[in-house]
Amino acid sequence: MVDTPNRLMDEFSRLMTDAAGMAQGVRREAENVVKAQFERMMRDMDIVSRDEFEAVKAMAIAARDDNEKLMARIAELESKLNRS
């Protein structure tokens, strides 16, 4: 008889441990589903990634710098032409 309450507590403890493990599994699965849905929605909206944005930004900065250099060069050449 003395063994019955301990056994009952052991079974209850095991049940709670299993329930906690199952709850974590359900949580992970729900997170994965939400993440997949969010990624699909973002892909469907044609939103660029941060890496793509940074690459295009760097290209635009380089193009602007090249344009400024070319404009300075043109101004210098026009100045030389006008002096002649």
N, C-alpha and C. Protein backbone atom coordinates (compact mmCIF):
# COMPACT_ATOMS: atom_id res chain seq x y z
N MET A 1 0.81 -1.20 0.00
CA MET A 1 0.00 0.00 0.00
C MET A 1 0.86 1.27 0.00
N VAL A 2 2.00 1.23 0.67
CA VAL A 2 2.86 2.39 0.77
C VAL A 2 3.41 2.74 -0.61
N ASP A 3 3.56 1.75 -1.44
CA ASP A 3 4.15 1.95 -2.76
C ASP A 3 3.17 2.63 -3.73
N THR A 4 1.89 2.55 -3.51
CA THR A 4 0.88 3.10 -4.42
C THR A 4 0.94 4.61 -4.57
N PRO A 5 1.04 5.41 -3.53
CA PRO A 5 1.12 6.87 -3.73
C PRO A 5 2.37 7.28 -4.50
N ASN A 6 3.50 6.63 -4.22
CA ASN A 6 4.72 6.96 -4.95
C ASN A 6 4.56 6.62 -6.43
N ARG A 7 3.97 5.47 -6.69
CA ARG A 7 3.75 5.06 -8.08
C ARG A 7 2.81 6.02 -8.78
N LEU A 8 1.79 6.47 -8.09
CA LEU A 8 0.84 7.43 -8.64
C LEU A 8 1.54 8.74 -8.95
N MET A 9 2.40 9.19 -8.04
CA MET A 9 3.15 10.42 -8.26
C MET A 9 4.13 10.26 -9.43
N ASP A 10 4.77 9.10 -9.54
CA ASP A 10 5.68 8.84 -10.65
C ASP A 10 4.94 8.88 -11.98
N GLU A 11 3.79 8.26 -12.01
CA GLU A 11 2.99 8.25 -13.25
C GLU A 11 2.53 9.66 -13.60
N PHE A 12 2.10 10.41 -12.60
CA PHE A 12 1.68 11.79 -12.83
C PHE A 12 2.84 12.63 -13.33
N SER A 13 4.00 12.46 -12.73
CA SER A 13 5.20 13.19 -13.15
C SER A 13 5.56 12.84 -14.59
N ARG A 14 5.52 11.58 -14.93
CA ARG A 14 5.81 11.14 -16.29
C ARG A 14 4.80 11.73 -17.28
N LEU A 15 3.55 11.76 -16.88
CA LEU A 15 2.50 12.32 -17.73
C LEU A 15 2.74 13.81 -17.97
N MET A 16 3.12 14.54 -16.93
CA MET A 16 3.39 15.98 -17.07
C MET A 16 4.62 16.22 -17.95
N THR A 17 5.63 15.39 -17.80
CA THR A 17 6.84 15.52 -18.63
C THR A 17 6.49 15.27 -20.10
N ASP A 18 5.71 14.25 -20.36
CA ASP A 18 5.28 13.96 -21.74
C ASP A 18 4.44 15.08 -22.31
N ALA A 19 3.55 15.65 -21.47
CA ALA A 19 2.70 16.75 -21.93
C ALA A 19 3.54 17.98 -22.25
N ALA A 20 4.54 18.26 -21.44
CA ALA A 20 5.42 19.41 -21.69
C ALA A 20 6.20 19.21 -22.98
N GLY A 21 6.70 18.00 -23.19
CA GLY A 21 7.42 17.71 -24.44
C GLY A 21 6.52 17.85 -25.65
N MET A 22 5.30 17.39 -25.53
CA MET A 22 4.35 17.50 -26.63
C MET A 22 4.02 18.97 -26.91
N ALA A 23 3.86 19.75 -25.86
CA ALA A 23 3.56 21.18 -26.02
C ALA A 23 4.71 21.89 -26.73
N GLN A 24 5.96 21.55 -26.42
CA GLN A 24 7.10 22.14 -27.10
C GLN A 24 7.11 21.76 -28.58
N GLY A 25 6.77 20.51 -28.86
CA GLY A 25 6.71 20.06 -30.25
C GLY A 25 5.65 20.81 -31.03
N VAL A 26 4.50 21.00 -30.42
CA VAL A 26 3.41 21.75 -31.08
C VAL A 26 3.84 23.19 -31.30
N ARG A 27 4.53 23.78 -30.32
CA ARG A 27 5.01 25.16 -30.45
C ARG A 27 5.99 25.29 -31.61
N ARG A 28 6.95 24.37 -31.69
CA ARG A 28 7.92 24.40 -32.78
C ARG A 28 7.24 24.25 -34.13
N GLU A 29 6.29 23.35 -34.21
CA GLU A 29 5.57 23.14 -35.47
C GLU A 29 4.78 24.39 -35.86
N ALA A 30 4.14 25.03 -34.89
CA ALA A 30 3.38 26.25 -35.16
C ALA A 30 4.32 27.35 -35.63
N GLU A 31 5.50 27.47 -35.00
CA GLU A 31 6.47 28.48 -35.42
C GLU A 31 6.93 28.24 -36.86
N ASN A 32 7.16 26.98 -37.19
CA ASN A 32 7.59 26.64 -38.55
C ASN A 32 6.52 26.98 -39.58
N VAL A 33 5.27 26.71 -39.24
CA VAL A 33 4.17 27.01 -40.17
C VAL A 33 4.04 28.52 -40.36
N VAL A 34 4.10 29.27 -39.27
CA VAL A 34 3.98 30.73 -39.36
C VAL A 34 5.15 31.30 -40.16
N LYS A 35 6.35 30.81 -39.90
CA LYS A 35 7.54 31.28 -40.62
C LYS A 35 7.41 30.99 -42.11
N ALA A 36 6.98 29.80 -42.47
CA ALA A 36 6.83 29.45 -43.88
C ALA A 36 5.77 30.33 -44.55
N GLN A 37 4.66 30.57 -43.87
CA GLN A 37 3.61 31.42 -44.42
C GLN A 37 4.12 32.85 -44.62
N PHE A 38 4.86 33.36 -43.64
CA PHE A 38 5.40 34.72 -43.71
C PHE A 38 6.39 34.83 -44.87
N GLU A 39 7.27 33.84 -45.01
CA GLU A 39 8.23 33.86 -46.11
C GLU A 39 7.53 33.81 -47.46
N ARG A 40 6.48 32.99 -47.56
CA ARG A 40 5.73 32.90 -48.82
C ARG A 40 5.05 34.23 -49.13
N MET A 41 4.48 34.86 -48.11
CA MET A 41 3.82 36.14 -48.30
C MET A 41 4.82 37.20 -48.75
N MET A 42 6.00 37.23 -48.13
CA MET A 42 7.02 38.20 -48.50
C MET A 42 7.50 37.96 -49.93
N ARG A 43 7.66 36.70 -50.31
CA ARG A 43 8.09 36.35 -51.67
C ARG A 43 7.04 36.78 -52.68
N ASP A 44 5.78 36.58 -52.37
CA ASP A 44 4.69 36.96 -53.27
C ASP A 44 4.58 38.47 -53.44
N MET A 45 5.03 39.22 -52.44
CA MET A 45 4.95 40.68 -52.50
C MET A 45 6.15 41.29 -53.22
N ASP A 46 7.09 40.46 -53.68
CA ASP A 46 8.29 40.91 -54.39
C ASP A 46 9.11 41.90 -53.56
N ILE A 47 9.23 41.63 -52.29
CA ILE A 47 10.04 42.46 -51.41
C ILE A 47 11.47 41.94 -51.47
N VAL A 48 12.41 42.85 -51.65
CA VAL A 48 13.81 42.44 -51.77
C VAL A 48 14.41 42.18 -50.39
N SER A 49 15.44 41.35 -50.39
CA SER A 49 16.13 41.07 -49.13
C SER A 49 17.08 42.22 -48.81
N ARG A 50 17.55 42.26 -47.60
CA ARG A 50 18.47 43.30 -47.16
C ARG A 50 19.76 43.23 -47.98
N ASP A 51 20.24 42.02 -48.27
CA ASP A 51 21.47 41.87 -49.06
C ASP A 51 21.30 42.43 -50.46
N GLU A 52 20.15 42.13 -51.08
CA GLU A 52 19.89 42.67 -52.42
C GLU A 52 19.82 44.19 -52.39
N PHE A 53 19.15 44.73 -51.39
CA PHE A 53 19.03 46.18 -51.26
C PHE A 53 20.40 46.82 -51.11
N GLU A 54 21.23 46.25 -50.24
CA GLU A 54 22.57 46.81 -50.00
C GLU A 54 23.42 46.74 -51.27
N ALA A 55 23.28 45.67 -52.06
CA ALA A 55 24.05 45.54 -53.30
C ALA A 55 23.64 46.62 -54.30
N VAL A 56 22.35 46.85 -54.45
CA VAL A 56 21.86 47.87 -55.38
C VAL A 56 22.24 49.27 -54.88
N LYS A 57 22.19 49.46 -53.58
CA LYS A 57 22.58 50.75 -53.01
C LYS A 57 24.05 51.05 -53.31
N ALA A 58 24.91 50.03 -53.15
CA ALA A 58 26.34 50.21 -53.44
C ALA A 58 26.55 50.51 -54.91
N MET A 59 25.80 49.85 -55.78
CA MET A 59 25.91 50.11 -57.22
C MET A 59 25.48 51.54 -57.54
N ALA A 60 24.42 52.02 -56.91
CA ALA A 60 23.94 53.39 -57.15
C ALA A 60 24.97 54.42 -56.67
N ILE A 61 25.58 54.16 -55.53
CA ILE A 61 26.59 55.08 -55.02
C ILE A 61 27.79 55.13 -55.97
N ALA A 62 28.22 53.96 -56.45
CA ALA A 62 29.35 53.90 -57.39
C ALA A 62 29.00 54.62 -58.69
N ALA A 63 27.79 54.43 -59.19
CA ALA A 63 27.37 55.10 -60.42
C ALA A 63 27.33 56.61 -60.24
N ARG A 64 26.85 57.07 -59.09
CA ARG A 64 26.81 58.50 -58.81
C ARG A 64 28.22 59.09 -58.76
N ASP A 65 29.13 58.36 -58.10
CA ASP A 65 30.53 58.82 -58.03
C ASP A 65 31.15 58.90 -59.43
N ASP A 66 30.91 57.86 -60.24
CA ASP A 66 31.42 57.87 -61.62
C ASP A 66 30.84 59.03 -62.41
N ASN A 67 29.55 59.29 -62.23
CA ASN A 67 28.88 60.38 -62.93
C ASN A 67 29.50 61.73 -62.53
N GLU A 68 29.76 61.91 -61.24
CA GLU A 68 30.37 63.16 -60.78
C GLU A 68 31.77 63.34 -61.35
N LYS A 69 32.55 62.26 -61.43
CA LYS A 69 33.89 62.32 -62.02
C LYS A 69 33.82 62.68 -63.50
N LEU A 70 32.87 62.05 -64.19
CA LEU A 70 32.71 62.34 -65.62
C LEU A 70 32.27 63.77 -65.86
N MET A 71 31.37 64.28 -65.02
CA MET A 71 30.92 65.66 -65.16
C MET A 71 32.09 66.63 -64.92
N ALA A 72 32.93 66.33 -63.94
CA ALA A 72 34.11 67.16 -63.68
C ALA A 72 35.07 67.11 -64.88
N ARG A 73 35.24 65.94 -65.43
CA ARG A 73 36.12 65.78 -66.59
C ARG A 73 35.57 66.55 -67.80
N ILE A 74 34.28 66.48 -68.02
CA ILE A 74 33.66 67.22 -69.14
C ILE A 74 33.85 68.71 -68.94
N ALA A 75 33.62 69.18 -67.71
CA ALA A 75 33.80 70.61 -67.42
C ALA A 75 35.24 71.03 -67.67
N GLU A 76 36.19 70.20 -67.31
CA GLU A 76 37.60 70.50 -67.53
C GLU A 76 37.92 70.56 -69.03
N LEU A 77 37.41 69.60 -69.78
CA LEU A 77 37.65 69.59 -71.23
C LEU A 77 36.98 70.78 -71.91
N GLU A 78 35.78 71.13 -71.50
CA GLU A 78 35.09 72.30 -72.08
C GLU A 78 35.86 73.58 -71.76
N SER A 79 36.40 73.63 -70.56
CA SER A 79 37.19 74.79 -70.16
C SER A 79 38.43 74.93 -71.06
N LYS A 80 39.08 73.81 -71.34
CA LYS A 80 40.26 73.82 -72.20
C LYS A 80 39.88 74.23 -73.63
N LEU A 81 38.73 73.76 -74.10
CA LEU A 81 38.26 74.12 -75.45
C LEU A 81 37.97 75.62 -75.56
N ASN A 82 37.34 76.15 -74.52
CA ASN A 82 36.99 77.58 -74.53
C ASN A 82 38.23 78.47 -74.45
N ARG A 83 39.30 77.99 -73.83
CA ARG A 83 40.51 78.78 -73.74
C ARG A 83 41.28 78.80 -75.06
N SER A 84 41.07 77.82 -75.88
CA SER A 84 41.83 77.74 -77.14
C SER A 84 41.35 78.67 -78.19
